[in-house]
N, C-alpha and C. Protein backbone atom coordinates (compact mmCIF):
# COMPACT_ATOMS: atom_id res chain seq x y z
N MET A 1 -14.87 115.34 -39.92
CA MET A 1 -15.71 115.55 -40.53
C MET A 1 -16.44 117.34 -40.14
N MET A 2 -15.88 117.84 -39.14
CA MET A 2 -16.25 119.13 -38.64
C MET A 2 -15.33 119.79 -39.54
N SER A 3 -14.39 119.63 -40.14
CA SER A 3 -13.73 120.26 -40.87
C SER A 3 -14.26 120.52 -42.13
N LEU A 4 -15.12 119.67 -42.34
CA LEU A 4 -15.77 119.71 -44.02
C LEU A 4 -16.77 121.55 -43.55
N GLU A 5 -17.08 121.64 -42.69
CA GLU A 5 -17.72 123.07 -42.51
C GLU A 5 -16.57 123.89 -41.41
N PRO A 6 -15.62 124.54 -41.98
CA PRO A 6 -14.32 125.12 -40.97
C PRO A 6 -15.23 126.32 -40.08
N HIS A 7 -16.00 126.90 -40.70
CA HIS A 7 -16.68 128.02 -39.56
C HIS A 7 -17.91 127.57 -38.70
N TRP A 8 -18.07 126.42 -38.66
CA TRP A 8 -19.05 125.64 -37.90
C TRP A 8 -18.59 125.07 -36.96
N PHE A 9 -19.18 125.12 -35.52
CA PHE A 9 -18.31 124.56 -34.62
C PHE A 9 -19.74 124.04 -33.16
N SER A 10 -19.10 123.09 -32.92
CA SER A 10 -19.73 122.28 -31.78
C SER A 10 -19.39 121.40 -30.63
N THR A 11 -19.44 122.27 -29.54
CA THR A 11 -18.68 121.47 -28.38
C THR A 11 -18.95 120.25 -28.22
N ILE A 12 -20.39 119.78 -28.11
CA ILE A 12 -20.82 118.26 -28.34
C ILE A 12 -20.75 117.22 -29.24
N PHE A 13 -20.30 117.89 -30.71
CA PHE A 13 -20.07 117.23 -31.92
C PHE A 13 -19.25 115.85 -31.39
N GLY A 14 -18.37 115.67 -30.60
CA GLY A 14 -17.44 114.41 -30.48
C GLY A 14 -18.37 113.42 -29.61
N VAL A 15 -18.97 113.69 -28.99
CA VAL A 15 -19.92 112.95 -27.98
C VAL A 15 -20.97 112.43 -28.71
N TYR A 16 -21.71 113.22 -29.91
CA TYR A 16 -22.46 112.76 -30.67
C TYR A 16 -21.84 111.54 -31.53
N TYR A 17 -20.94 112.04 -32.19
CA TYR A 17 -20.29 110.85 -33.08
C TYR A 17 -19.82 109.58 -32.09
N PHE A 18 -19.47 109.50 -31.13
CA PHE A 18 -19.16 108.71 -30.40
C PHE A 18 -20.37 108.16 -29.89
N SER A 19 -21.57 108.27 -29.78
CA SER A 19 -23.01 107.66 -29.43
C SER A 19 -23.19 106.87 -30.37
N GLY A 20 -23.10 107.37 -31.29
CA GLY A 20 -23.99 106.89 -32.82
C GLY A 20 -22.90 105.76 -32.99
N THR A 21 -21.51 105.78 -32.76
CA THR A 21 -20.56 104.79 -33.38
C THR A 21 -20.69 103.77 -32.23
N PHE A 22 -20.51 103.97 -30.94
CA PHE A 22 -20.83 102.96 -30.09
C PHE A 22 -22.18 102.31 -29.88
N LEU A 23 -23.21 102.74 -30.39
CA LEU A 23 -24.24 102.02 -30.71
C LEU A 23 -24.35 101.10 -31.82
N SER A 24 -23.63 101.45 -32.75
CA SER A 24 -23.27 100.58 -33.82
C SER A 24 -22.33 99.55 -33.94
N ALA A 25 -21.44 99.36 -32.72
CA ALA A 25 -20.38 98.78 -32.11
C ALA A 25 -21.26 97.74 -31.20
N LEU A 26 -22.16 98.13 -30.67
CA LEU A 26 -23.23 97.23 -29.53
C LEU A 26 -24.06 96.60 -30.81
N ALA A 27 -24.69 97.02 -32.01
CA ALA A 27 -25.42 96.32 -32.69
C ALA A 27 -25.05 95.35 -33.43
N ILE A 28 -23.78 95.44 -33.80
CA ILE A 28 -22.94 94.46 -34.54
C ILE A 28 -22.68 93.14 -33.55
N ILE A 29 -22.15 93.47 -32.42
CA ILE A 29 -21.73 92.30 -31.32
C ILE A 29 -23.17 91.72 -30.88
N THR A 30 -24.44 92.40 -30.70
CA THR A 30 -25.72 91.86 -30.33
C THR A 30 -25.81 90.71 -31.57
N PHE A 31 -25.69 91.34 -33.01
CA PHE A 31 -26.10 90.52 -33.81
C PHE A 31 -25.40 89.40 -34.20
N LEU A 32 -23.95 89.31 -33.69
CA LEU A 32 -23.11 88.08 -34.22
C LEU A 32 -23.27 86.92 -32.85
N VAL A 33 -23.46 87.82 -31.67
CA VAL A 33 -24.24 86.78 -30.50
C VAL A 33 -25.03 85.91 -30.82
N VAL A 34 -26.28 86.66 -31.14
CA VAL A 34 -27.31 86.00 -31.30
C VAL A 34 -27.63 85.27 -32.88
N TYR A 35 -26.80 85.29 -33.45
CA TYR A 35 -26.55 84.77 -34.63
C TYR A 35 -25.94 83.67 -34.28
N PHE A 36 -24.77 83.19 -33.72
CA PHE A 36 -23.72 82.22 -33.44
C PHE A 36 -24.34 81.66 -32.49
N HIS A 37 -25.37 81.79 -31.37
CA HIS A 37 -25.94 81.00 -30.62
C HIS A 37 -26.93 80.13 -31.05
N GLN A 38 -27.54 80.66 -32.01
CA GLN A 38 -28.71 80.43 -32.82
C GLN A 38 -28.22 79.15 -33.74
N LYS A 39 -26.91 79.70 -34.23
CA LYS A 39 -26.32 78.38 -35.14
C LYS A 39 -25.61 77.11 -34.32
N GLY A 40 -25.59 77.26 -32.77
CA GLY A 40 -24.97 76.36 -32.24
C GLY A 40 -23.82 76.57 -31.94
N LEU A 41 -22.82 77.67 -32.18
CA LEU A 41 -21.66 77.72 -31.94
C LEU A 41 -21.22 78.59 -31.03
N PHE A 42 -22.08 78.55 -29.99
CA PHE A 42 -21.79 79.05 -28.42
C PHE A 42 -22.32 78.05 -27.19
N PRO A 43 -21.75 78.21 -26.31
CA PRO A 43 -22.01 77.49 -25.37
C PRO A 43 -23.59 77.18 -25.05
N LYS A 44 -24.47 76.35 -24.71
CA LYS A 44 -25.68 76.15 -24.25
C LYS A 44 -26.29 76.79 -23.20
N GLY A 45 -25.17 77.43 -22.41
CA GLY A 45 -25.59 77.97 -21.23
C GLY A 45 -26.31 79.60 -21.43
N ILE A 46 -26.28 80.05 -22.46
CA ILE A 46 -26.50 81.55 -22.97
C ILE A 46 -28.25 81.18 -22.94
N VAL A 47 -28.77 82.23 -22.19
CA VAL A 47 -30.13 82.29 -22.13
C VAL A 47 -30.72 83.38 -22.55
N THR A 48 -32.20 83.67 -22.31
CA THR A 48 -32.68 84.69 -22.46
C THR A 48 -32.31 86.05 -21.78
N ASP A 49 -31.78 85.82 -20.64
CA ASP A 49 -31.41 86.80 -19.50
C ASP A 49 -30.14 87.60 -20.48
N HIS A 50 -28.93 86.76 -21.22
CA HIS A 50 -28.06 87.26 -21.84
C HIS A 50 -28.38 88.20 -22.99
N TYR A 51 -29.61 87.85 -23.88
CA TYR A 51 -30.29 88.61 -24.85
C TYR A 51 -30.74 89.87 -24.00
N TYR A 52 -31.70 89.94 -23.26
CA TYR A 52 -32.04 90.80 -22.36
C TYR A 52 -31.01 92.19 -22.27
N SER A 53 -29.95 91.75 -21.72
CA SER A 53 -28.69 92.63 -21.65
C SER A 53 -28.39 93.03 -22.95
N PHE A 54 -28.04 92.60 -23.88
CA PHE A 54 -27.67 93.05 -25.26
C PHE A 54 -28.90 94.19 -25.44
N GLY A 55 -30.28 93.50 -25.48
CA GLY A 55 -31.42 94.55 -25.90
C GLY A 55 -31.40 95.88 -24.96
N ALA A 56 -31.02 95.65 -23.66
CA ALA A 56 -30.93 96.54 -22.89
C ALA A 56 -30.08 97.65 -23.35
N LEU A 57 -28.73 97.46 -23.45
CA LEU A 57 -27.70 98.01 -23.86
C LEU A 57 -27.98 98.95 -25.00
N LEU A 58 -28.64 98.07 -25.81
CA LEU A 58 -28.90 98.84 -27.55
C LEU A 58 -30.05 99.87 -27.22
N TYR A 59 -31.05 99.54 -26.09
CA TYR A 59 -31.86 100.72 -25.89
C TYR A 59 -31.57 101.69 -24.96
N GLY A 60 -30.50 101.38 -24.41
CA GLY A 60 -30.24 102.35 -23.69
C GLY A 60 -28.96 103.44 -24.24
N PHE A 61 -28.05 103.24 -25.17
CA PHE A 61 -27.27 103.88 -26.06
C PHE A 61 -28.30 104.58 -27.23
N LEU A 62 -29.39 103.88 -27.45
CA LEU A 62 -30.45 104.29 -28.51
C LEU A 62 -30.72 105.87 -27.83
N ASN A 63 -31.24 105.99 -26.66
CA ASN A 63 -31.52 106.87 -25.78
C ASN A 63 -30.56 108.08 -25.79
N PHE A 64 -29.22 107.70 -25.56
CA PHE A 64 -28.14 108.51 -25.28
C PHE A 64 -28.11 108.93 -26.62
N TRP A 65 -27.73 108.36 -27.76
CA TRP A 65 -27.63 109.10 -28.93
C TRP A 65 -28.72 109.91 -29.11
N ALA A 66 -30.07 109.91 -28.90
CA ALA A 66 -30.94 110.67 -29.35
C ALA A 66 -30.70 112.09 -28.55
N TYR A 67 -30.53 111.50 -26.75
CA TYR A 67 -30.45 112.61 -26.18
C TYR A 67 -29.28 113.89 -26.48
N ILE A 68 -27.88 112.94 -26.97
CA ILE A 68 -27.05 114.09 -27.22
C ILE A 68 -27.25 114.75 -28.41
N ALA A 69 -28.14 114.20 -29.56
CA ALA A 69 -28.37 114.75 -30.77
C ALA A 69 -29.31 116.18 -30.63
N PHE A 70 -30.51 115.60 -29.55
CA PHE A 70 -31.46 116.82 -29.02
C PHE A 70 -30.85 118.02 -28.69
N SER A 71 -29.77 117.51 -27.73
CA SER A 71 -28.81 118.40 -26.82
C SER A 71 -28.17 119.55 -27.72
N GLN A 72 -27.46 118.86 -28.78
CA GLN A 72 -26.88 119.79 -29.77
C GLN A 72 -27.65 120.64 -30.59
N PHE A 73 -28.98 120.01 -31.04
CA PHE A 73 -29.79 120.79 -31.72
C PHE A 73 -30.41 122.13 -31.13
N MET A 74 -30.83 121.68 -29.65
CA MET A 74 -31.27 122.78 -28.62
C MET A 74 -30.44 123.72 -28.50
N LEU A 75 -29.20 123.51 -27.96
CA LEU A 75 -28.07 124.50 -27.94
C LEU A 75 -28.03 125.37 -28.89
N ILE A 76 -27.76 124.99 -30.03
CA ILE A 76 -27.69 125.77 -31.07
C ILE A 76 -28.84 126.71 -31.44
N TRP A 77 -30.37 126.10 -31.43
CA TRP A 77 -31.49 126.80 -31.56
C TRP A 77 -31.64 128.14 -30.76
N TYR A 78 -31.28 127.42 -29.60
CA TYR A 78 -31.68 128.38 -28.53
C TYR A 78 -30.70 129.69 -28.49
N ALA A 79 -29.28 129.50 -28.75
CA ALA A 79 -28.60 130.43 -29.00
C ALA A 79 -28.61 131.61 -30.30
N ASN A 80 -29.11 130.50 -31.21
CA ASN A 80 -29.64 131.38 -32.67
C ASN A 80 -28.49 132.50 -33.08
N LEU A 81 -27.37 131.88 -33.15
CA LEU A 81 -26.22 132.51 -33.65
C LEU A 81 -25.82 132.16 -35.01
N PRO A 82 -25.80 132.98 -36.18
CA PRO A 82 -25.55 132.48 -37.33
C PRO A 82 -24.35 131.62 -37.94
N GLU A 83 -23.41 131.85 -37.32
CA GLU A 83 -22.26 130.91 -37.41
C GLU A 83 -22.60 129.61 -36.76
N GLU A 84 -23.49 129.11 -36.02
CA GLU A 84 -23.96 128.05 -35.72
C GLU A 84 -25.07 127.32 -36.61
N THR A 85 -26.22 128.10 -36.68
CA THR A 85 -27.52 127.76 -36.97
C THR A 85 -27.30 127.34 -38.55
N PHE A 86 -26.42 127.92 -39.42
CA PHE A 86 -26.54 127.53 -40.81
C PHE A 86 -26.25 125.97 -41.13
N TRP A 87 -25.34 125.36 -40.12
CA TRP A 87 -25.39 124.00 -40.21
C TRP A 87 -26.56 123.22 -40.41
N PHE A 88 -27.74 123.45 -39.35
CA PHE A 88 -29.09 122.88 -39.20
C PHE A 88 -30.11 123.44 -40.52
N LEU A 89 -29.86 124.42 -40.89
CA LEU A 89 -30.49 125.08 -42.20
C LEU A 89 -30.39 124.63 -43.10
N ASN A 90 -28.85 123.80 -43.57
CA ASN A 90 -28.54 123.25 -44.73
C ASN A 90 -29.31 122.12 -45.07
N ARG A 91 -29.31 121.49 -43.69
CA ARG A 91 -30.03 120.35 -43.62
C ARG A 91 -31.63 120.05 -43.26
N TRP A 92 -32.15 121.50 -43.93
CA TRP A 92 -33.66 121.69 -43.74
C TRP A 92 -33.87 122.37 -45.25
N GLU A 93 -33.27 122.08 -46.12
CA GLU A 93 -33.59 122.56 -47.54
C GLU A 93 -33.89 121.49 -48.13
N GLY A 94 -34.68 121.66 -49.15
CA GLY A 94 -34.68 120.49 -50.24
C GLY A 94 -35.39 119.34 -49.71
N SER A 95 -34.66 118.61 -50.27
CA SER A 95 -35.17 117.07 -49.82
C SER A 95 -34.43 116.64 -48.75
N TRP A 96 -33.46 117.30 -48.03
CA TRP A 96 -32.63 117.30 -46.97
C TRP A 96 -33.74 117.28 -45.86
N GLN A 97 -34.66 118.08 -45.76
CA GLN A 97 -35.68 118.35 -45.07
C GLN A 97 -36.41 117.07 -44.69
N ILE A 98 -36.93 116.19 -45.83
CA ILE A 98 -37.29 114.72 -45.56
C ILE A 98 -36.19 113.86 -45.03
N TYR A 99 -35.20 114.09 -45.66
CA TYR A 99 -34.12 112.97 -44.93
C TYR A 99 -33.96 113.45 -43.29
N SER A 100 -34.08 114.46 -42.89
CA SER A 100 -34.01 115.03 -41.69
C SER A 100 -34.98 114.19 -40.89
N ILE A 101 -36.33 114.22 -41.20
CA ILE A 101 -37.34 113.62 -40.72
C ILE A 101 -37.05 112.19 -40.37
N ALA A 102 -37.12 111.59 -41.87
CA ALA A 102 -36.44 110.37 -41.85
C ALA A 102 -35.86 109.87 -40.91
N LEU A 103 -34.61 110.47 -40.69
CA LEU A 103 -33.61 110.27 -39.81
C LEU A 103 -34.15 109.93 -38.32
N ILE A 104 -34.72 110.98 -37.94
CA ILE A 104 -35.56 111.01 -36.76
C ILE A 104 -36.27 109.89 -36.21
N LEU A 105 -36.96 109.45 -37.25
CA LEU A 105 -37.98 107.92 -37.54
C LEU A 105 -37.11 106.84 -37.63
N ILE A 106 -36.37 106.80 -38.40
CA ILE A 106 -35.30 105.46 -38.23
C ILE A 106 -34.48 105.29 -37.36
N HIS A 107 -33.90 106.30 -36.80
CA HIS A 107 -32.94 106.29 -35.91
C HIS A 107 -33.13 106.17 -34.52
N PHE A 108 -34.27 106.98 -34.16
CA PHE A 108 -34.75 106.83 -33.01
C PHE A 108 -36.27 106.32 -32.41
N LEU A 109 -37.47 106.81 -33.21
CA LEU A 109 -38.98 106.59 -33.05
C LEU A 109 -38.94 104.96 -32.91
N ILE A 110 -38.71 104.79 -34.12
CA ILE A 110 -39.00 103.66 -34.53
C ILE A 110 -38.24 102.18 -33.69
N PRO A 111 -36.87 102.03 -33.80
CA PRO A 111 -36.26 101.54 -32.57
C PRO A 111 -36.48 101.62 -31.36
N PHE A 112 -36.86 102.81 -31.01
CA PHE A 112 -37.43 103.43 -29.43
C PHE A 112 -38.39 102.02 -29.06
N PHE A 113 -39.69 102.43 -29.91
CA PHE A 113 -40.92 101.46 -29.79
C PHE A 113 -40.74 100.04 -29.66
N ALA A 114 -39.60 99.57 -30.80
CA ALA A 114 -39.46 98.15 -30.93
C ALA A 114 -38.64 97.65 -29.90
N LEU A 115 -37.71 98.34 -28.90
CA LEU A 115 -37.25 97.94 -28.17
C LEU A 115 -37.46 98.06 -26.87
N VAL A 116 -38.50 98.95 -26.06
CA VAL A 116 -39.18 99.70 -25.22
C VAL A 116 -39.59 98.17 -24.16
N SER A 117 -40.16 97.07 -24.94
CA SER A 117 -40.62 96.05 -24.00
C SER A 117 -39.65 94.85 -23.59
N GLN A 118 -39.80 94.26 -22.36
CA GLN A 118 -39.00 93.45 -22.01
C GLN A 118 -38.82 92.12 -22.98
N PRO A 119 -40.06 91.56 -23.37
CA PRO A 119 -40.15 90.60 -24.53
C PRO A 119 -39.28 91.04 -25.71
N SER A 120 -39.34 92.32 -26.06
CA SER A 120 -38.52 92.39 -27.30
C SER A 120 -37.23 92.54 -27.28
N LYS A 121 -36.55 92.64 -25.97
CA LYS A 121 -35.25 92.51 -25.65
C LYS A 121 -34.68 91.12 -25.37
N THR A 122 -35.73 90.35 -25.20
CA THR A 122 -35.33 88.72 -25.09
C THR A 122 -35.64 88.09 -26.53
N ASN A 123 -36.15 88.72 -27.62
CA ASN A 123 -36.35 87.91 -28.37
C ASN A 123 -35.45 87.91 -29.76
N GLY A 124 -34.54 86.66 -29.81
CA GLY A 124 -33.62 86.71 -30.62
C GLY A 124 -33.84 87.40 -32.06
N SER A 125 -34.75 86.85 -32.53
CA SER A 125 -34.95 87.32 -33.77
C SER A 125 -35.23 89.03 -34.33
N ARG A 126 -35.82 89.60 -33.20
CA ARG A 126 -36.32 90.85 -33.04
C ARG A 126 -34.72 91.60 -32.54
N LEU A 127 -34.00 90.87 -31.78
CA LEU A 127 -32.70 91.35 -31.70
C LEU A 127 -31.69 91.65 -32.87
N LYS A 128 -31.95 90.44 -33.54
CA LYS A 128 -30.99 90.51 -34.77
C LYS A 128 -31.51 91.64 -36.01
N PHE A 129 -33.19 91.79 -36.04
CA PHE A 129 -33.49 92.61 -36.91
C PHE A 129 -32.97 94.10 -36.72
N MET A 130 -33.09 94.23 -35.24
CA MET A 130 -32.93 95.66 -34.84
C MET A 130 -31.43 95.99 -34.90
N ALA A 131 -30.58 95.18 -34.75
CA ALA A 131 -29.19 95.30 -35.06
C ALA A 131 -28.94 96.02 -36.21
N ILE A 132 -29.40 95.25 -37.39
CA ILE A 132 -29.15 95.42 -38.72
C ILE A 132 -29.97 96.83 -39.01
N TRP A 133 -31.11 97.00 -38.72
CA TRP A 133 -32.11 98.32 -38.50
C TRP A 133 -30.87 99.52 -37.84
N LEU A 134 -30.47 99.14 -36.89
CA LEU A 134 -29.73 100.24 -36.33
C LEU A 134 -28.47 100.53 -37.12
N LEU A 135 -27.57 99.57 -37.95
CA LEU A 135 -26.82 99.94 -38.69
C LEU A 135 -27.07 100.44 -39.76
N VAL A 136 -27.98 100.29 -40.04
CA VAL A 136 -28.62 101.18 -41.30
C VAL A 136 -28.84 102.32 -41.08
N ALA A 137 -29.36 102.45 -39.76
CA ALA A 137 -29.71 103.87 -39.32
C ALA A 137 -28.40 105.07 -39.09
N HIS A 138 -27.16 104.35 -38.43
CA HIS A 138 -25.96 104.60 -38.51
C HIS A 138 -25.42 105.25 -39.94
N PHE A 139 -25.48 104.49 -40.81
CA PHE A 139 -25.32 104.96 -42.11
C PHE A 139 -25.90 106.32 -42.59
N MET A 140 -27.10 106.16 -42.37
CA MET A 140 -27.96 107.26 -42.61
C MET A 140 -27.33 108.50 -42.11
N ASP A 141 -26.91 108.56 -40.86
CA ASP A 141 -26.56 109.37 -39.51
C ASP A 141 -25.29 109.87 -40.28
N LEU A 142 -24.10 109.09 -40.51
CA LEU A 142 -23.06 109.68 -41.28
C LEU A 142 -23.20 110.46 -42.44
N TYR A 143 -24.22 109.94 -43.32
CA TYR A 143 -24.52 110.44 -44.57
C TYR A 143 -25.02 112.00 -44.06
N PHE A 144 -25.93 111.84 -43.21
CA PHE A 144 -26.55 112.99 -42.88
C PHE A 144 -25.40 114.33 -42.35
N LEU A 145 -24.50 113.57 -41.70
CA LEU A 145 -23.45 114.63 -41.41
C LEU A 145 -22.44 114.79 -42.30
N VAL A 146 -22.21 114.30 -43.58
CA VAL A 146 -21.06 114.57 -44.36
C VAL A 146 -21.51 115.43 -45.69
N MET A 147 -22.93 114.57 -46.21
CA MET A 147 -23.20 114.95 -47.85
C MET A 147 -23.83 116.14 -47.80
N PRO A 148 -24.61 116.43 -47.03
CA PRO A 148 -25.07 118.11 -47.43
C PRO A 148 -24.07 119.12 -47.84
N THR A 149 -23.03 118.82 -47.30
CA THR A 149 -21.66 119.73 -47.84
C THR A 149 -21.34 119.72 -49.29
N PHE A 150 -21.57 118.64 -49.58
CA PHE A 150 -21.14 117.92 -50.85
C PHE A 150 -22.30 118.16 -51.98
N SER A 151 -23.73 118.37 -51.38
CA SER A 151 -24.93 117.82 -52.03
C SER A 151 -25.90 118.76 -51.51
N PRO A 152 -25.70 120.24 -51.55
CA PRO A 152 -26.54 121.32 -50.64
C PRO A 152 -27.81 121.12 -51.41
N ASP A 153 -28.27 120.98 -52.73
CA ASP A 153 -29.49 120.97 -53.36
C ASP A 153 -30.52 120.01 -52.91
N GLY A 154 -30.02 118.76 -52.43
CA GLY A 154 -30.61 117.57 -52.33
C GLY A 154 -29.87 116.25 -51.88
N VAL A 155 -30.41 115.23 -51.80
CA VAL A 155 -29.97 113.85 -51.12
C VAL A 155 -29.27 113.40 -52.54
N ALA A 156 -28.40 113.09 -52.57
CA ALA A 156 -27.69 112.61 -53.81
C ALA A 156 -26.96 111.11 -53.31
N LEU A 157 -27.75 110.12 -53.56
CA LEU A 157 -27.20 108.99 -53.19
C LEU A 157 -26.48 108.20 -54.55
N GLY A 158 -25.49 107.80 -54.74
CA GLY A 158 -24.85 107.03 -55.78
C GLY A 158 -24.25 105.74 -55.35
N TRP A 159 -23.68 105.12 -56.45
CA TRP A 159 -22.80 103.74 -56.18
C TRP A 159 -21.35 103.82 -55.28
N ILE A 160 -21.10 105.19 -55.48
CA ILE A 160 -19.81 105.41 -54.59
C ILE A 160 -20.05 105.15 -53.14
N GLU A 161 -20.98 105.79 -52.70
CA GLU A 161 -21.71 105.90 -51.38
C GLU A 161 -21.75 104.53 -50.84
N LEU A 162 -22.66 103.92 -51.60
CA LEU A 162 -23.17 102.62 -51.03
C LEU A 162 -21.68 101.69 -51.60
N GLY A 163 -21.17 101.61 -52.48
CA GLY A 163 -19.98 100.64 -52.61
C GLY A 163 -18.90 101.14 -51.59
N PHE A 164 -18.24 101.97 -51.06
CA PHE A 164 -17.69 102.05 -49.97
C PHE A 164 -18.22 101.46 -48.84
N PHE A 165 -19.29 101.60 -48.53
CA PHE A 165 -19.95 100.76 -47.22
C PHE A 165 -19.94 99.29 -47.59
N LEU A 166 -20.45 98.95 -48.69
CA LEU A 166 -19.96 97.46 -49.00
C LEU A 166 -18.70 96.79 -49.06
N LEU A 167 -17.81 97.47 -49.38
CA LEU A 167 -16.43 97.49 -49.43
C LEU A 167 -15.87 96.86 -48.07
N ALA A 168 -15.98 98.21 -47.27
CA ALA A 168 -16.00 98.03 -45.79
C ALA A 168 -16.04 96.88 -45.20
N PHE A 169 -17.31 96.57 -45.33
CA PHE A 169 -18.31 95.44 -44.85
C PHE A 169 -17.65 94.17 -45.39
N GLY A 170 -17.17 94.15 -46.35
CA GLY A 170 -16.99 92.86 -47.06
C GLY A 170 -15.41 92.32 -46.62
N ILE A 171 -14.93 93.29 -46.65
CA ILE A 171 -13.24 93.17 -45.93
C ILE A 171 -13.23 92.92 -44.39
N VAL A 172 -14.08 93.51 -43.50
CA VAL A 172 -14.41 92.81 -42.37
C VAL A 172 -14.78 91.61 -42.38
N PHE A 173 -15.82 91.34 -42.95
CA PHE A 173 -16.54 89.87 -42.67
C PHE A 173 -15.42 88.97 -43.57
N LEU A 174 -14.97 89.41 -44.41
CA LEU A 174 -13.81 88.53 -44.78
C LEU A 174 -12.70 88.23 -43.75
N THR A 175 -12.06 88.81 -43.46
CA THR A 175 -11.26 88.93 -42.41
C THR A 175 -11.41 88.09 -41.36
N PHE A 176 -12.81 88.63 -40.75
CA PHE A 176 -13.01 87.47 -39.60
C PHE A 176 -13.68 86.36 -40.13
N SER A 177 -14.16 85.92 -41.37
CA SER A 177 -14.37 84.43 -41.55
C SER A 177 -13.34 83.78 -41.48
N ILE A 178 -12.19 84.32 -42.12
CA ILE A 178 -10.93 83.65 -42.20
C ILE A 178 -10.32 83.15 -40.65
N LYS A 179 -10.33 84.47 -39.92
CA LYS A 179 -9.62 84.10 -38.53
C LYS A 179 -10.60 82.99 -37.70
N ALA A 180 -12.04 83.15 -38.03
CA ALA A 180 -13.12 82.30 -37.21
C ALA A 180 -12.71 80.83 -37.35
N LYS A 181 -12.13 80.35 -38.69
CA LYS A 181 -11.76 79.12 -38.79
C LYS A 181 -10.71 78.65 -38.34
N SER A 182 -9.82 79.51 -37.54
CA SER A 182 -8.54 79.26 -37.01
C SER A 182 -8.40 79.36 -35.26
N VAL A 183 -9.29 79.78 -35.16
CA VAL A 183 -9.38 80.01 -33.70
C VAL A 183 -10.81 79.69 -32.85
N ASN A 184 -10.64 79.41 -31.74
CA ASN A 184 -12.03 79.14 -30.70
C ASN A 184 -12.73 80.53 -30.67
N LEU A 185 -14.13 80.40 -31.28
CA LEU A 185 -15.32 81.65 -30.90
C LEU A 185 -15.60 81.84 -29.56
N VAL A 186 -15.05 80.78 -28.73
CA VAL A 186 -15.53 80.92 -27.38
C VAL A 186 -14.18 80.87 -26.53
N PRO A 187 -13.82 81.97 -25.60
CA PRO A 187 -12.79 81.96 -24.75
C PRO A 187 -12.52 80.94 -23.79
N ILE A 188 -12.00 79.66 -24.50
CA ILE A 188 -11.80 78.74 -23.28
C ILE A 188 -10.79 79.22 -22.59
N GLY A 189 -10.96 78.74 -21.19
CA GLY A 189 -9.97 79.03 -20.39
C GLY A 189 -9.79 80.42 -19.48
N ASP A 190 -10.81 81.18 -20.21
CA ASP A 190 -11.09 82.50 -19.32
C ASP A 190 -11.88 82.13 -18.24
N PRO A 191 -10.99 82.83 -16.96
CA PRO A 191 -11.51 82.49 -15.90
C PRO A 191 -12.73 83.18 -15.38
N LYS A 192 -13.16 84.20 -16.36
CA LYS A 192 -14.63 84.45 -15.94
C LYS A 192 -15.62 83.87 -17.20
N LEU A 193 -15.43 83.12 -17.49
CA LEU A 193 -16.27 82.56 -18.75
C LEU A 193 -17.53 81.54 -18.03
N LYS A 194 -17.34 80.85 -17.08
CA LYS A 194 -18.35 80.28 -16.39
C LYS A 194 -19.36 81.05 -15.82
N ARG A 195 -18.60 82.34 -14.96
CA ARG A 195 -19.53 83.33 -14.59
C ARG A 195 -20.28 83.89 -15.62
N GLY A 196 -19.76 84.35 -16.63
CA GLY A 196 -20.43 84.78 -17.72
C GLY A 196 -21.61 84.12 -18.27
N ILE A 197 -21.53 82.55 -18.40
CA ILE A 197 -22.34 81.85 -18.37
C ILE A 197 -23.46 81.61 -17.57
N ASP A 198 -23.12 81.48 -16.56
CA ASP A 198 -24.18 81.34 -15.66
C ASP A 198 -24.88 82.78 -15.04
N PHE A 199 -24.72 83.59 -15.86
CA PHE A 199 -25.45 85.00 -15.43
C PHE A 199 -26.87 85.04 -15.50
N ARG A 200 -27.13 85.54 -14.76
CA ARG A 200 -29.00 85.40 -14.68
C ARG A 200 -29.43 86.87 -13.80
N LEU A 201 -30.53 87.68 -14.36
CA LEU A 201 -30.81 88.53 -14.14
C LEU A 201 -31.58 88.41 -12.34
C-alpha cells in the first residue's frame, strides 16, 4: 500500500496496518463465538466472563489502533516535511475531508463509547453488532489508505470495491461452512478446554 505513493514514507505504517487487521480478526472471532454460543453449538459453560474477555480485547485494540493512527499523524504534522505531509493533505481535499472525519467517528469514537462500560462488554447482542461495525470500519480504513491515490478528487465507491469485499467474504464463509460440517467446532480432547470453559474473572 505504501508503494502506491513511492515518495511517501512512514516508519509506523506497518504497526498501523497490523493494529487494524488484528482488531478485525478479533471482531470476527468475537462474532463467531457469540453467534455459535447463542445457537447452542458451544459448551454450556460459556458465561458472561468469556464475553467480557472478548469485549475487553476489542476495546483494548480499538484504542491501540487509535493511538497508532494519531501517533502517525502527530509525527508527520509536527515535522511538517513536504515529502510526508502531502499524504494527509490529499485526504483532506474535497469529499475526502468528510470521509476522514467520518472514519474518526465510525472507527474510534462511536465504538469507544459503545464498548467502554462493563455491561456492554458482557452483552452478546451488543458484541455481535460492534463486531460487524468494526469490520465495516476496517473496510473504510483500508479504502482510506488506498483510494485517494486513484481518486484524488473525491470518494468514488463502485461495484468493484464492494464486489471484491463480498467475493472475499463469500469464499471464506463458504469454505468455513463446508469444513464446519465435517469437523467438531469444539476441540474435544484439548487438555486446556476444561480450564478455558471454567474461566472466571
